[in-house]
PDB file of N, CA and C in Angstrom:
ATOM      1  N   MET A   1       0.842  -1.169   0.000  1.00  0.00           N
ATOM      2  CA  MET A   1       0.000   0.000   0.000  1.00  0.00           C
ATOM      3  C   MET A   1       0.891   1.237   0.000  1.00  0.00           C
ATOM      4  N   THR A   2       0.619   2.136  -0.921  1.00  0.00           N
ATOM      5  CA  THR A   2       1.427   3.353  -1.010  1.00  0.00           C
ATOM      6  C   THR A   2       0.736   4.479  -0.269  1.00  0.00           C
ATOM      7  N   ASP A   3       1.536   5.254   0.418  1.00  0.00           N
ATOM      8  CA  ASP A   3       0.985   6.400   1.147  1.00  0.00           C
ATOM      9  C   ASP A   3       1.077   7.627   0.264  1.00  0.00           C
ATOM     10  N   GLN A   4      -0.072   8.129  -0.141  1.00  0.00           N
ATOM     11  CA  GLN A   4      -0.120   9.344  -0.949  1.00  0.00           C
ATOM     12  C   GLN A   4      -0.819  10.432  -0.160  1.00  0.00           C
ATOM     13  N   ALA A   5      -0.313  11.610  -0.298  1.00  0.00           N
ATOM     14  CA  ALA A   5      -0.989  12.745   0.331  1.00  0.00           C
ATOM     15  C   ALA A   5      -2.293  12.989  -0.416  1.00  0.00           C
ATOM     16  N   PRO A   6      -3.343  13.326   0.313  1.00  0.00           N
ATOM     17  CA  PRO A   6      -4.611  13.582  -0.384  1.00  0.00           C
ATOM     18  C   PRO A   6      -4.474  14.779  -1.322  1.00  0.00           C
ATOM     19  N   LYS A   7      -5.064  14.637  -2.483  1.00  0.00           N
ATOM     20  CA  LYS A   7      -5.008  15.703  -3.491  1.00  0.00           C
ATOM     21  C   LYS A   7      -6.330  16.455  -3.440  1.00  0.00           C
ATOM     22  N   ARG A   8      -6.292  17.562  -2.736  1.00  0.00           N
ATOM     23  CA  ARG A   8      -7.502  18.357  -2.589  1.00  0.00           C
ATOM     24  C   ARG A   8      -7.456  19.539  -3.534  1.00  0.00           C
ATOM     25  N   PHE A   9      -8.574  19.861  -4.072  1.00  0.00           N
ATOM     26  CA  PHE A   9      -8.731  21.045  -4.920  1.00  0.00           C
ATOM     27  C   PHE A   9      -7.845  21.003  -6.165  1.00  0.00           C
ATOM     28  N   GLU A  10      -7.590  19.815  -6.701  1.00  0.00           N
ATOM     29  CA  GLU A  10      -6.728  19.713  -7.888  1.00  0.00           C
ATOM     30  C   GLU A  10      -7.292  20.458  -9.087  1.00  0.00           C
ATOM     31  N   ASP A  11      -8.594  20.381  -9.256  1.00  0.00           N
ATOM     32  CA  ASP A  11      -9.200  20.947 -10.460  1.00  0.00           C
ATOM     33  C   ASP A  11      -9.503  22.446 -10.341  1.00  0.00           C
ATOM     34  N   LEU A  12      -9.194  23.047  -9.208  1.00  0.00           N
ATOM     35  CA  LEU A  12      -9.451  24.481  -9.047  1.00  0.00           C
ATOM     36  C   LEU A  12      -8.341  25.312  -9.678  1.00  0.00           C
ATOM     37  N   PRO A  13      -8.680  26.510 -10.140  1.00  0.00           N
ATOM     38  CA  PRO A  13      -7.640  27.411 -10.648  1.00  0.00           C
ATOM     39  C   PRO A  13      -6.678  27.807  -9.519  1.00  0.00           C
ATOM     40  N   GLU A  14      -5.474  28.178  -9.905  1.00  0.00           N
ATOM     41  CA  GLU A  14      -4.443  28.524  -8.918  1.00  0.00           C
ATOM     42  C   GLU A  14      -4.867  29.703  -8.044  1.00  0.00           C
ATOM     43  N   GLU A  15      -5.532  30.688  -8.636  1.00  0.00           N
ATOM     44  CA  GLU A  15      -5.985  31.848  -7.863  1.00  0.00           C
ATOM     45  C   GLU A  15      -6.955  31.428  -6.763  1.00  0.00           C
ATOM     46  N   THR A  16      -7.855  30.502  -7.093  1.00  0.00           N
ATOM     47  CA  THR A  16      -8.833  30.035  -6.116  1.00  0.00           C
ATOM     48  C   THR A  16      -8.147  29.252  -5.007  1.00  0.00           C
ATOM     49  N   LYS A  17      -7.196  28.401  -5.378  1.00  0.00           N
ATOM     50  CA  LYS A  17      -6.446  27.643  -4.366  1.00  0.00           C
ATOM     51  C   LYS A  17      -5.733  28.592  -3.412  1.00  0.00           C
ATOM     52  N   ALA A  18      -5.078  29.605  -3.959  1.00  0.00           N
ATOM     53  CA  ALA A  18      -4.355  30.561  -3.123  1.00  0.00           C
ATOM     54  C   ALA A  18      -5.321  31.300  -2.195  1.00  0.00           C
ATOM     55  N   PHE A  19      -6.483  31.663  -2.720  1.00  0.00           N
ATOM     56  CA  PHE A  19      -7.483  32.359  -1.903  1.00  0.00           C
ATOM     57  C   PHE A  19      -7.938  31.478  -0.743  1.00  0.00           C
ATOM     58  N   LEU A  20      -8.270  30.224  -1.045  1.00  0.00           N
ATOM     59  CA  LEU A  20      -8.770  29.327  -0.005  1.00  0.00           C
ATOM     60  C   LEU A  20      -7.708  29.000   1.035  1.00  0.00           C
ATOM     61  N   LEU A  21      -6.461  28.837   0.597  1.00  0.00           N
ATOM     62  CA  LEU A  21      -5.387  28.518   1.541  1.00  0.00           C
ATOM     63  C   LEU A  21      -5.047  29.696   2.443  1.00  0.00           C
ATOM     64  N   ALA A  22      -5.321  30.917   2.000  1.00  0.00           N
ATOM     65  CA  ALA A  22      -4.984  32.103   2.782  1.00  0.00           C
ATOM     66  C   ALA A  22      -6.069  32.486   3.789  1.00  0.00           C
ATOM     67  N   LEU A  23      -7.191  31.798   3.775  1.00  0.00           N
ATOM     68  CA  LEU A  23      -8.289  32.157   4.673  1.00  0.00           C
ATOM     69  C   LEU A  23      -7.973  31.807   6.124  1.00  0.00           C
ATOM     70  N   ARG A  24      -8.369  32.697   7.011  1.00  0.00           N
ATOM     71  CA  ARG A  24      -8.257  32.434   8.443  1.00  0.00           C
ATOM     72  C   ARG A  24      -9.527  31.707   8.893  1.00  0.00           C
ATOM     73  N   PRO A  25      -9.492  31.033  10.041  1.00  0.00           N
ATOM     74  CA  PRO A  25     -10.681  30.303  10.512  1.00  0.00           C
ATOM     75  C   PRO A  25     -11.930  31.177  10.651  1.00  0.00           C
ATOM     76  N   ASP A  26     -11.768  32.418  11.095  1.00  0.00           N
ATOM     77  CA  ASP A  26     -12.947  33.277  11.219  1.00  0.00           C
ATOM     78  C   ASP A  26     -13.514  33.655   9.854  1.00  0.00           C
ATOM     79  N   GLU A  27     -12.661  33.762   8.847  1.00  0.00           N
ATOM     80  CA  GLU A  27     -13.134  34.053   7.489  1.00  0.00           C
ATOM     81  C   GLU A  27     -13.863  32.848   6.902  1.00  0.00           C
ATOM     82  N   VAL A  28     -13.382  31.650   7.220  1.00  0.00           N
ATOM     83  CA  VAL A  28     -14.072  30.437   6.760  1.00  0.00           C
ATOM     84  C   VAL A  28     -15.461  30.379   7.384  1.00  0.00           C
ATOM     85  N   LYS A  29     -15.550  30.713   8.673  1.00  0.00           N
ATOM     86  CA  LYS A  29     -16.858  30.723   9.339  1.00  0.00           C
ATOM     87  C   LYS A  29     -17.782  31.762   8.705  1.00  0.00           C
ATOM     88  N   THR A  30     -17.240  32.928   8.370  1.00  0.00           N
ATOM     89  CA  THR A  30     -18.045  33.968   7.724  1.00  0.00           C
ATOM     90  C   THR A  30     -18.547  33.497   6.362  1.00  0.00           C
ATOM     91  N   LEU A  31     -17.688  32.840   5.585  1.00  0.00           N
ATOM     92  CA  LEU A  31     -18.116  32.296   4.287  1.00  0.00           C
ATOM     93  C   LEU A  31     -19.200  31.241   4.471  1.00  0.00           C
ATOM     94  N   ASP A  32     -19.027  30.388   5.480  1.00  0.00           N
ATOM     95  CA  ASP A  32     -20.027  29.354   5.750  1.00  0.00           C
ATOM     96  C   ASP A  32     -21.365  29.989   6.128  1.00  0.00           C
ATOM     97  N   ASP A  33     -21.314  31.017   6.973  1.00  0.00           N
ATOM     98  CA  ASP A  33     -22.546  31.728   7.341  1.00  0.00           C
ATOM     99  C   ASP A  33     -23.191  32.381   6.119  1.00  0.00           C
ATOM    100  N   GLY A  34     -22.374  32.939   5.236  1.00  0.00           N
ATOM    101  CA  GLY A  34     -22.894  33.555   4.013  1.00  0.00           C
ATOM    102  C   GLY A  34     -23.576  32.545   3.108  1.00  0.00           C
ATOM    103  N   ILE A  35     -22.980  31.368   2.990  1.00  0.00           N
ATOM    104  CA  ILE A  35     -23.580  30.318   2.157  1.00  0.00           C
ATOM    105  C   ILE A  35     -24.914  29.884   2.748  1.00  0.00           C
ATOM    106  N   ARG A  36     -24.967  29.715   4.068  1.00  0.00           N
ATOM    107  CA  ARG A  36     -26.228  29.339   4.708  1.00  0.00           C
ATOM    108  C   ARG A  36     -27.277  30.432   4.539  1.00  0.00           C
ATOM    109  N   LEU A  37     -26.859  31.695   4.609  1.00  0.00           N
ATOM    110  CA  LEU A  37     -27.783  32.817   4.423  1.00  0.00           C
ATOM    111  C   LEU A  37     -28.376  32.806   3.016  1.00  0.00           C
ATOM    112  N   VAL A  38     -27.544  32.572   2.016  1.00  0.00           N
ATOM    113  CA  VAL A  38     -28.028  32.534   0.629  1.00  0.00           C
ATOM    114  C   VAL A  38     -29.007  31.380   0.445  1.00  0.00           C
ATOM    115  N   ARG A  39     -28.714  30.223   1.032  1.00  0.00           N
ATOM    116  CA  ARG A  39     -29.644  29.086   0.947  1.00  0.00           C
ATOM    117  C   ARG A  39     -30.977  29.426   1.599  1.00  0.00           C
ATOM    118  N   SER A  40     -30.921  30.066   2.759  1.00  0.00           N
ATOM    119  CA  SER A  40     -32.151  30.430   3.463  1.00  0.00           C
ATOM    120  C   SER A  40     -32.977  31.427   2.658  1.00  0.00           C
ATOM    121  N   ILE A  41     -32.314  32.415   2.094  1.00  0.00           N
ATOM    122  CA  ILE A  41     -33.020  33.405   1.274  1.00  0.00           C
ATOM    123  C   ILE A  41     -33.667  32.730   0.072  1.00  0.00           C
ATOM    124  N   SER A  42     -32.965  31.796  -0.536  1.00  0.00           N
ATOM    125  CA  SER A  42     -33.511  31.076  -1.688  1.00  0.00           C
ATOM    126  C   SER A  42     -34.752  30.280  -1.291  1.00  0.00           C
ATOM    127  N   THR A  43     -34.687  29.613  -0.146  1.00  0.00           N
ATOM    128  CA  THR A  43     -35.826  28.828   0.323  1.00  0.00           C
ATOM    129  C   THR A  43     -37.025  29.725   0.623  1.00  0.00           C
ATOM    130  N   VAL A  44     -36.787  30.811   1.323  1.00  0.00           N
ATOM    131  CA  VAL A  44     -37.877  31.721   1.686  1.00  0.00           C
ATOM    132  C   VAL A  44     -38.473  32.368   0.444  1.00  0.00           C
ATOM    133  N   SER A  45     -37.630  32.737  -0.520  1.00  0.00           N
ATOM    134  CA  SER A  45     -38.162  33.373  -1.731  1.00  0.00           C
ATOM    135  C   SER A  45     -39.019  32.401  -2.534  1.00  0.00           C
ATOM    136  N   ALA A  46     -38.631  31.129  -2.574  1.00  0.00           N
ATOM    137  CA  ALA A  46     -39.463  30.138  -3.269  1.00  0.00           C
ATOM    138  C   ALA A  46     -40.805  29.983  -2.549  1.00  0.00           C
ATOM    139  N   PHE A  47     -40.773  29.960  -1.227  1.00  0.00           N
ATOM    140  CA  PHE A  47     -42.002  29.851  -0.444  1.00  0.00           C
ATOM    141  C   PHE A  47     -42.912  31.053  -0.691  1.00  0.00           C
ATOM    142  N   VAL A  48     -42.346  32.247  -0.644  1.00  0.00           N
ATOM    143  CA  VAL A  48     -43.137  33.469  -0.852  1.00  0.00           C
ATOM    144  C   VAL A  48     -43.720  33.498  -2.260  1.00  0.00           C
ATOM    145  N   LYS A  49     -42.936  33.044  -3.241  1.00  0.00           N
ATOM    146  CA  LYS A  49     -43.438  33.004  -4.620  1.00  0.00           C
ATOM    147  C   LYS A  49     -44.692  32.136  -4.703  1.00  0.00           C
ATOM    148  N   TRP A  50     -44.667  30.949  -4.079  1.00  0.00           N
ATOM    149  CA  TRP A  50     -45.823  30.066  -4.160  1.00  0.00           C
ATOM    150  C   TRP A  50     -46.991  30.581  -3.325  1.00  0.00           C
ATOM    151  N   ILE A  51     -46.707  31.310  -2.258  1.00  0.00           N
ATOM    152  CA  ILE A  51     -47.788  31.946  -1.495  1.00  0.00           C
ATOM    153  C   ILE A  51     -48.492  32.981  -2.370  1.00  0.00           C
ATOM    154  N   ILE A  52     -47.719  33.787  -3.090  1.00  0.00           N
ATOM    155  CA  ILE A  52     -48.305  34.805  -3.976  1.00  0.00           C
ATOM    156  C   ILE A  52     -49.114  34.143  -5.086  1.00  0.00           C
ATOM    157  N   VAL A  53     -48.571  33.087  -5.689  1.00  0.00           N
ATOM    158  CA  VAL A  53     -49.302  32.368  -6.738  1.00  0.00           C
ATOM    159  C   VAL A  53     -50.598  31.795  -6.173  1.00  0.00           C
ATOM    160  N   GLY A  54     -50.535  31.245  -4.976  1.00  0.00           N
ATOM    161  CA  GLY A  54     -51.735  30.691  -4.349  1.00  0.00           C
ATOM    162  C   GLY A  54     -52.784  31.747  -4.067  1.00  0.00           C
ATOM    163  N   ILE A  55     -52.355  32.887  -3.554  1.00  0.00           N
ATOM    164  CA  ILE A  55     -53.302  33.974  -3.261  1.00  0.00           C
ATOM    165  C   ILE A  55     -53.951  34.480  -4.544  1.00  0.00           C
ATOM    166  N   LEU A  56     -53.162  34.645  -5.598  1.00  0.00           N
ATOM    167  CA  LEU A  56     -53.737  35.076  -6.882  1.00  0.00           C
ATOM    168  C   LEU A  56     -54.718  34.034  -7.417  1.00  0.00           C
ATOM    169  N   GLY A  57     -54.370  32.760  -7.280  1.00  0.00           N
ATOM    170  CA  GLY A  57     -55.270  31.695  -7.724  1.00  0.00           C
ATOM    171  C   GLY A  57     -56.581  31.707  -6.958  1.00  0.00           C
ATOM    172  N   ILE A  58     -56.496  31.910  -5.652  1.00  0.00           N
ATOM    173  CA  ILE A  58     -57.711  31.974  -4.837  1.00  0.00           C
ATOM    174  C   ILE A  58     -58.558  33.181  -5.242  1.00  0.00           C
ATOM    175  N   ALA A  59     -57.922  34.316  -5.481  1.00  0.00           N
ATOM    176  CA  ALA A  59     -58.668  35.518  -5.880  1.00  0.00           C
ATOM    177  C   ALA A  59     -59.389  35.296  -7.208  1.00  0.00           C
ATOM    178  N   VAL A  60     -58.698  34.718  -8.176  1.00  0.00           N
ATOM    179  CA  VAL A  60     -59.327  34.446  -9.478  1.00  0.00           C
ATOM    180  C   VAL A  60     -60.444  33.422  -9.314  1.00  0.00           C
ATOM    181  N   GLY A  61     -60.213  32.402  -8.493  1.00  0.00           N
ATOM    182  CA  GLY A  61     -61.243  31.390  -8.249  1.00  0.00           C
ATOM    183  C   GLY A  61     -62.484  31.978  -7.606  1.00  0.00           C
ATOM    184  N   ILE A  62     -62.299  32.885  -6.652  1.00  0.00           N
ATOM    185  CA  ILE A  62     -63.446  33.533  -6.005  1.00  0.00           C
ATOM    186  C   ILE A  62     -64.221  34.372  -7.017  1.00  0.00           C
ATOM    187  N   ALA A  63     -63.518  35.083  -7.882  1.00  0.00           N
ATOM    188  CA  ALA A  63     -64.195  35.894  -8.906  1.00  0.00           C
ATOM    189  C   ALA A  63     -64.997  35.003  -9.855  1.00  0.00           C
ATOM    190  N   MET A  64     -64.403  33.896 -10.279  1.00  0.00           N
ATOM    191  CA  MET A  64     -65.111  32.980 -11.185  1.00  0.00           C
ATOM    192  C   MET A  64     -66.322  32.362 -10.489  1.00  0.00           C
ATOM    193  N   PHE A  65     -66.165  32.014  -9.221  1.00  0.00           N
ATOM    194  CA  PHE A  65     -67.272  31.434  -8.463  1.00  0.00           C
ATOM    195  C   PHE A  65     -68.410  32.442  -8.323  1.00  0.00           C
ATOM    196  N   GLY A  66     -68.060  33.699  -8.045  1.00  0.00           N
ATOM    197  CA  GLY A  66     -69.080  34.744  -7.927  1.00  0.00           C
ATOM    198  C   GLY A  66     -69.845  34.938  -9.224  1.00  0.00           C
ATOM    199  N   GLU A  67     -69.143  34.935 -10.340  1.00  0.00           N
ATOM    200  CA  GLU A  67     -69.813  35.076 -11.637  1.00  0.00           C
ATOM    201  C   GLU A  67     -70.739  33.892 -11.904  1.00  0.00           C
ATOM    202  N   SER A  68     -70.302  32.696 -11.551  1.00  0.00           N
ATOM    203  CA  SER A  68     -71.146  31.512 -11.759  1.00  0.00           C
ATOM    204  C   SER A  68     -72.404  31.577 -10.902  1.00  0.00           C
ATOM    205  N   ILE A  69     -72.263  31.989  -9.657  1.00  0.00           N
ATOM    206  CA  ILE A  69     -73.431  32.124  -8.778  1.00  0.00           C
ATOM    207  C   ILE A  69     -74.392  33.172  -9.341  1.00  0.00           C
ATOM    208  N   ALA A  70     -73.856  34.276  -9.858  1.00  0.00           N
ATOM    209  CA  ALA A  70     -74.709  35.323 -10.438  1.00  0.00           C
ATOM    210  C   ALA A  70     -75.478  34.780 -11.638  1.00  0.00           C
ATOM    211  N   LYS A  71     -74.832  33.957 -12.461  1.00  0.00           N
ATOM    212  CA  LYS A  71     -75.527  33.372 -13.621  1.00  0.00           C
ATOM    213  C   LYS A  71     -76.627  32.417 -13.174  1.00  0.00           C
ATOM    214  N   ILE A  72     -76.363  31.617 -12.154  1.00  0.00           N
ATOM    215  CA  ILE A  72     -77.369  30.663 -11.670  1.00  0.00           C
ATOM    216  C   ILE A  72     -78.560  31.410 -11.075  1.00  0.00           C
ATOM    217  N   VAL A  73     -78.300  32.450 -10.305  1.00  0.00           N
ATOM    218  CA  VAL A  73     -79.387  33.250  -9.724  1.00  0.00           C
ATOM    219  C   VAL A  73     -80.206  33.894 -10.832  1.00  0.00           C
ATOM    220  N   LYS A  74     -79.543  34.324 -11.892  1.00  0.00           N
ATOM    221  CA  LYS A  74     -80.228  34.956 -13.019  1.00  0.00           C
ATOM    222  C   LYS A  74     -81.180  33.975 -13.714  1.00  0.00           C
ATOM    223  N   TRP A  75     -80.860  32.676 -13.715  1.00  0.00           N
ATOM    224  CA  TRP A  75     -81.735  31.681 -14.336  1.00  0.00           C
ATOM    225  C   TRP A  75     -83.080  31.606 -13.618  1.00  0.00           C
ATOM    226  N   PHE A  76     -83.056  31.740 -12.299  1.00  0.00           N
ATOM    227  CA  PHE A  76     -84.264  31.552 -11.504  1.00  0.00           C
ATOM    228  C   PHE A  76     -85.049  32.835 -11.277  1.00  0.00           C
ATOM    229  N   ARG A  77     -84.547  33.954 -11.714  1.00  0.00           N
ATOM    230  CA  ARG A  77     -85.259  35.220 -11.575  1.00  0.00           C
ATOM    231  C   ARG A  77     -86.380  35.297 -12.603  1.00  0.00           C
ATOM    232  N   PRO A  78     -87.506  35.731 -12.153  1.00  0.00           N
ATOM    233  CA  PRO A  78     -88.583  35.895 -13.140  1.00  0.00           C
ATOM    234  C   PRO A  78     -88.288  37.087 -14.054  1.00  0.00           C
ATOM    235  N   THR A  79     -88.533  36.883 -15.305  1.00  0.00           N
ATOM    236  CA  THR A  79     -88.319  37.974 -16.256  1.00  0.00           C
ATOM    237  C   THR A  79     -89.659  38.631 -16.539  1.00  0.00           C
ATOM    238  N   GLY A  80     -89.659  39.866 -16.617  1.00  0.00           N
ATOM    239  CA  GLY A  80     -90.933  40.437 -16.961  1.00  0.00           C
ATOM    240  C   GLY A  80     -91.143  41.754 -16.486  1.00  0.00           C
TER     241      GLY A  80
END
């Protein structure tokens, strides 16, 4: 069995490797917090988008239902 050092970040550009190797632990934590923040914002924005779509759908459905009820009531009204 040969002992090889792990080859991490081989496919990254040299500039990126240098950037990552120069980070201090507090900067790594800040980057991690930033990544989690972006994920959270993405999740919340998707949720809000579907809430808005749902509210618009309900509003259109209520309008269509109201028009249908008005037509049915009109059938039973005496004309004259």
